[in-house]
Every structure is written in C-alpha cells, then in structure tokens.
C-alpha cells in the first residue's frame, strides 16, 4: 500500500449540546484512511477507516492533485467539524 501525502480539508457535522444563549464549536482532527474507490470524473473518493467505517467525499475542483491519488493509497484527511446554534422562542 503506497503512502500518499495529500491533505484534504473535509467538512463534517458535529452534534453540539444546545443552550438558550447559543453555542458554537469548531475543531479539526487528523484522520488516516485508505482510498477504497475513486470516481475521477465526479471527483468522489470513498475512504475506508481501519475499523471498516467508510466515508464518501466530494473533492472540490480547487483541490489539486486528485489524479495522483489511487485506490489503496493511505491519505491523511484534515476533518473540520463545526456547528453554530442559536435558539429563539417562537
């Protein structure tokens, strides 16, 4: 299995405890997954984690180097989780 040094910024959703005054959270974690499938035309990659969990990611056209990624590569993903919540009585 080849190691690929490409890094992608991947948006995800984080569940956050709601408060009446609103709340925000923002965090970035580094995850190493294996590329299990690629659709170069649609710019979609399916990654598989060591525990078998899969994630399907659209790679924005502004991200260079997609053609260098191959099935079987290990890729470091920078996963950013963010949420902002503000509750208002109706």
N, C-alpha and C. Protein backbone atom coordinates (compact mmCIF):
# COMPACT_ATOMS: atom_id res chain seq x y z
N UNK A 1 0.83 -1.16 0.00
CA UNK A 1 0.00 0.00 0.00
C UNK A 1 0.89 1.24 0.00
N UNK A 2 0.71 2.11 -0.95
CA UNK A 2 1.51 3.33 -1.04
C UNK A 2 1.02 4.36 -0.04
N UNK A 3 1.92 5.20 0.44
CA UNK A 3 1.51 6.30 1.31
C UNK A 3 1.46 7.57 0.48
N UNK A 4 0.35 8.25 0.57
CA UNK A 4 0.18 9.49 -0.18
C UNK A 4 0.13 10.64 0.80
N UNK A 5 0.90 11.68 0.57
CA UNK A 5 0.97 12.81 1.48
C UNK A 5 -0.06 13.88 1.22
N UNK A 6 -1.06 13.63 0.39
CA UNK A 6 -2.08 14.63 0.10
C UNK A 6 -2.92 14.89 1.33
N UNK A 7 -3.30 16.14 1.52
CA UNK A 7 -4.16 16.52 2.65
C UNK A 7 -5.38 17.23 2.11
N UNK A 8 -6.56 16.81 2.55
CA UNK A 8 -7.82 17.40 2.14
C UNK A 8 -8.51 18.00 3.35
N UNK A 9 -9.14 19.13 3.20
CA UNK A 9 -9.97 19.71 4.25
C UNK A 9 -11.39 19.20 4.02
N UNK A 10 -11.89 18.41 4.94
CA UNK A 10 -13.17 17.74 4.77
C UNK A 10 -14.17 18.28 5.80
N UNK A 11 -15.27 18.91 5.36
CA UNK A 11 -16.27 19.38 6.33
C UNK A 11 -17.13 18.24 6.84
N UNK A 12 -17.40 18.24 8.13
CA UNK A 12 -18.28 17.25 8.75
C UNK A 12 -19.18 17.96 9.74
N UNK A 13 -20.15 17.25 10.26
CA UNK A 13 -21.08 17.83 11.23
C UNK A 13 -20.79 17.26 12.61
N UNK A 14 -20.81 18.11 13.61
CA UNK A 14 -20.61 17.72 14.99
C UNK A 14 -21.88 18.05 15.76
N UNK A 15 -22.42 17.08 16.50
CA UNK A 15 -23.59 17.34 17.33
C UNK A 15 -23.13 18.11 18.55
N UNK A 16 -23.84 19.18 18.86
CA UNK A 16 -23.45 20.07 19.95
C UNK A 16 -24.61 20.24 20.91
N UNK A 17 -24.34 20.25 22.21
CA UNK A 17 -25.35 20.50 23.21
C UNK A 17 -25.92 21.90 23.01
N UNK A 18 -27.23 22.02 22.94
CA UNK A 18 -27.88 23.30 22.69
C UNK A 18 -28.03 24.10 23.98
N UNK A 19 -27.86 25.41 23.90
CA UNK A 19 -28.09 26.29 25.03
C UNK A 19 -28.97 27.44 24.58
N UNK A 20 -29.68 28.05 25.50
CA UNK A 20 -30.60 29.14 25.17
C UNK A 20 -29.88 30.36 24.60
N UNK A 21 -28.64 30.58 24.98
CA UNK A 21 -27.88 31.74 24.51
C UNK A 21 -27.09 31.45 23.24
N UNK A 22 -27.21 30.25 22.74
CA UNK A 22 -26.46 29.89 21.54
C UNK A 22 -25.13 29.25 21.91
N UNK A 23 -24.57 28.54 20.98
CA UNK A 23 -23.30 27.88 21.22
C UNK A 23 -22.61 27.64 19.89
N UNK A 24 -21.31 27.55 19.93
CA UNK A 24 -20.53 27.23 18.74
C UNK A 24 -19.43 26.25 19.11
N UNK A 25 -19.00 25.52 18.14
CA UNK A 25 -17.87 24.63 18.34
C UNK A 25 -17.14 24.46 17.02
N UNK A 26 -15.84 24.36 17.07
CA UNK A 26 -15.01 24.23 15.87
C UNK A 26 -13.79 23.41 16.26
N UNK A 27 -13.56 22.32 15.55
CA UNK A 27 -12.36 21.54 15.82
C UNK A 27 -11.90 20.85 14.54
N UNK A 28 -10.61 20.61 14.46
CA UNK A 28 -10.03 19.91 13.31
C UNK A 28 -9.24 18.72 13.85
N UNK A 29 -9.49 17.56 13.26
CA UNK A 29 -8.75 16.36 13.64
C UNK A 29 -8.09 15.78 12.40
N UNK A 30 -7.01 15.06 12.61
CA UNK A 30 -6.29 14.41 11.51
C UNK A 30 -6.66 12.93 11.52
N UNK A 31 -7.11 12.43 10.38
CA UNK A 31 -7.55 11.05 10.24
C UNK A 31 -6.82 10.42 9.06
N UNK A 32 -6.28 9.22 9.26
CA UNK A 32 -5.65 8.49 8.16
C UNK A 32 -6.59 7.38 7.70
N UNK A 33 -7.03 7.45 6.44
CA UNK A 33 -7.91 6.46 5.85
C UNK A 33 -7.28 5.90 4.60
N UNK A 34 -7.81 4.76 4.13
CA UNK A 34 -7.35 4.14 2.90
C UNK A 34 -8.37 4.41 1.79
N UNK A 35 -7.89 4.77 0.62
CA UNK A 35 -8.76 5.02 -0.54
C UNK A 35 -9.27 3.66 -1.03
N UNK A 36 -10.59 3.49 -1.04
CA UNK A 36 -11.16 2.22 -1.49
C UNK A 36 -11.82 2.33 -2.87
N UNK A 37 -12.17 3.56 -3.30
CA UNK A 37 -12.73 3.75 -4.64
C UNK A 37 -12.60 5.23 -5.02
N UNK A 38 -12.45 5.48 -6.32
CA UNK A 38 -12.35 6.85 -6.83
C UNK A 38 -13.16 6.98 -8.11
N UNK A 39 -13.93 8.06 -8.21
CA UNK A 39 -14.58 8.43 -9.46
C UNK A 39 -13.96 9.76 -9.86
N UNK A 40 -12.98 9.73 -10.76
CA UNK A 40 -12.26 10.94 -11.13
C UNK A 40 -13.16 11.96 -11.82
N UNK A 41 -14.10 11.49 -12.65
CA UNK A 41 -14.98 12.42 -13.37
C UNK A 41 -15.90 13.19 -12.42
N UNK A 42 -16.43 12.50 -11.41
CA UNK A 42 -17.32 13.16 -10.44
C UNK A 42 -16.56 13.72 -9.24
N UNK A 43 -15.24 13.43 -9.18
CA UNK A 43 -14.36 13.91 -8.09
C UNK A 43 -14.84 13.40 -6.73
N UNK A 44 -15.20 12.12 -6.69
CA UNK A 44 -15.66 11.50 -5.45
C UNK A 44 -14.69 10.39 -5.05
N UNK A 45 -14.30 10.41 -3.77
CA UNK A 45 -13.43 9.36 -3.23
C UNK A 45 -14.17 8.69 -2.09
N UNK A 46 -14.09 7.35 -2.04
CA UNK A 46 -14.60 6.61 -0.90
C UNK A 46 -13.41 6.12 -0.10
N UNK A 47 -13.39 6.50 1.18
CA UNK A 47 -12.32 6.13 2.09
C UNK A 47 -12.82 5.06 3.05
N UNK A 48 -11.93 4.18 3.47
CA UNK A 48 -12.25 3.17 4.48
C UNK A 48 -11.28 3.32 5.64
N UNK A 49 -11.83 3.44 6.85
CA UNK A 49 -11.02 3.55 8.06
C UNK A 49 -10.57 2.16 8.51
N UNK A 50 -9.64 2.11 9.44
CA UNK A 50 -9.13 0.85 9.94
C UNK A 50 -10.23 0.00 10.58
N UNK A 51 -11.27 0.64 11.13
CA UNK A 51 -12.37 -0.09 11.77
C UNK A 51 -13.44 -0.52 10.76
N UNK A 52 -13.22 -0.25 9.46
CA UNK A 52 -14.17 -0.65 8.43
C UNK A 52 -15.19 0.41 8.05
N UNK A 53 -15.26 1.48 8.83
CA UNK A 53 -16.19 2.57 8.53
C UNK A 53 -15.78 3.25 7.22
N UNK A 54 -16.77 3.58 6.37
CA UNK A 54 -16.46 4.25 5.11
C UNK A 54 -17.01 5.67 5.14
N UNK A 55 -16.38 6.54 4.36
CA UNK A 55 -16.86 7.90 4.16
C UNK A 55 -16.69 8.25 2.69
N UNK A 56 -17.72 8.86 2.14
CA UNK A 56 -17.74 9.26 0.73
C UNK A 56 -17.57 10.78 0.69
N UNK A 57 -16.53 11.23 -0.01
CA UNK A 57 -16.16 12.64 0.00
C UNK A 57 -16.12 13.19 -1.43
N UNK A 58 -16.74 14.34 -1.63
CA UNK A 58 -16.59 15.08 -2.88
C UNK A 58 -15.36 15.96 -2.74
N UNK A 59 -14.45 15.90 -3.71
CA UNK A 59 -13.24 16.70 -3.69
C UNK A 59 -13.47 17.91 -4.59
N UNK A 60 -13.45 19.09 -3.99
CA UNK A 60 -13.70 20.33 -4.72
C UNK A 60 -12.71 20.49 -5.87
N UNK A 61 -13.18 21.03 -7.01
CA UNK A 61 -12.28 21.23 -8.16
C UNK A 61 -11.07 22.12 -7.87
N UNK A 62 -11.12 22.94 -6.82
CA UNK A 62 -9.97 23.79 -6.48
C UNK A 62 -8.86 23.02 -5.78
N UNK A 63 -9.14 21.76 -5.35
CA UNK A 63 -8.12 20.94 -4.69
C UNK A 63 -7.28 20.26 -5.77
N UNK A 64 -5.98 20.58 -5.83
CA UNK A 64 -5.13 20.00 -6.87
C UNK A 64 -4.67 18.58 -6.52
N UNK A 65 -4.28 17.83 -7.54
CA UNK A 65 -3.60 16.55 -7.35
C UNK A 65 -4.48 15.33 -7.23
N UNK A 66 -5.79 15.46 -7.52
CA UNK A 66 -6.67 14.30 -7.40
C UNK A 66 -6.18 13.15 -8.26
N UNK A 67 -5.65 13.46 -9.43
CA UNK A 67 -5.21 12.40 -10.35
C UNK A 67 -4.02 11.60 -9.80
N UNK A 68 -3.37 12.11 -8.77
CA UNK A 68 -2.24 11.39 -8.16
C UNK A 68 -2.69 10.36 -7.13
N UNK A 69 -3.94 10.45 -6.68
CA UNK A 69 -4.48 9.53 -5.68
C UNK A 69 -4.94 8.25 -6.38
N UNK A 70 -4.62 7.11 -5.78
CA UNK A 70 -5.00 5.81 -6.36
C UNK A 70 -5.65 4.93 -5.28
N UNK A 71 -6.47 3.99 -5.72
CA UNK A 71 -7.06 3.03 -4.80
C UNK A 71 -5.93 2.31 -4.07
N UNK A 72 -6.07 2.19 -2.76
CA UNK A 72 -5.05 1.54 -1.93
C UNK A 72 -4.14 2.53 -1.22
N UNK A 73 -4.11 3.80 -1.68
CA UNK A 73 -3.29 4.82 -1.00
C UNK A 73 -3.85 5.11 0.39
N UNK A 74 -2.95 5.38 1.31
CA UNK A 74 -3.35 5.90 2.61
C UNK A 74 -3.26 7.41 2.52
N UNK A 75 -4.33 8.09 2.94
CA UNK A 75 -4.42 9.54 2.80
C UNK A 75 -4.72 10.15 4.16
N UNK A 76 -4.01 11.23 4.49
CA UNK A 76 -4.26 11.96 5.72
C UNK A 76 -5.33 13.01 5.43
N UNK A 77 -6.46 12.90 6.13
CA UNK A 77 -7.56 13.85 5.98
C UNK A 77 -7.55 14.82 7.15
N UNK A 78 -7.71 16.09 6.87
CA UNK A 78 -7.92 17.07 7.93
C UNK A 78 -9.43 17.30 7.99
N UNK A 79 -10.07 16.75 9.00
CA UNK A 79 -11.52 16.80 9.12
C UNK A 79 -11.90 17.94 10.06
N UNK A 80 -12.63 18.92 9.54
CA UNK A 80 -13.07 20.06 10.33
C UNK A 80 -14.53 19.88 10.69
N UNK A 81 -14.81 19.92 11.96
CA UNK A 81 -16.17 19.81 12.46
C UNK A 81 -16.56 21.16 13.04
N UNK A 82 -17.70 21.67 12.61
CA UNK A 82 -18.13 22.95 13.14
C UNK A 82 -19.65 23.02 13.18
N UNK A 83 -20.15 23.78 14.14
CA UNK A 83 -21.59 24.00 14.26
C UNK A 83 -21.81 25.28 15.06
N UNK A 84 -22.85 25.99 14.69
CA UNK A 84 -23.28 27.17 15.45
C UNK A 84 -24.77 27.05 15.66
N UNK A 85 -25.21 27.22 16.90
CA UNK A 85 -26.62 27.06 17.23
C UNK A 85 -27.09 28.26 18.04
N UNK A 86 -28.24 28.80 17.68
CA UNK A 86 -28.85 29.87 18.43
C UNK A 86 -30.33 29.57 18.52
N UNK A 87 -30.86 29.42 19.73
CA UNK A 87 -32.27 29.11 19.93
C UNK A 87 -33.06 30.38 20.17
N UNK A 88 -34.26 30.44 19.57
CA UNK A 88 -35.12 31.61 19.76
C UNK A 88 -36.54 31.11 19.96
N UNK A 89 -37.22 31.63 21.00
CA UNK A 89 -38.59 31.25 21.26
C UNK A 89 -39.50 31.77 20.16
N UNK A 90 -40.51 30.95 19.79
CA UNK A 90 -41.45 31.41 18.76
C UNK A 90 -42.85 31.52 19.32
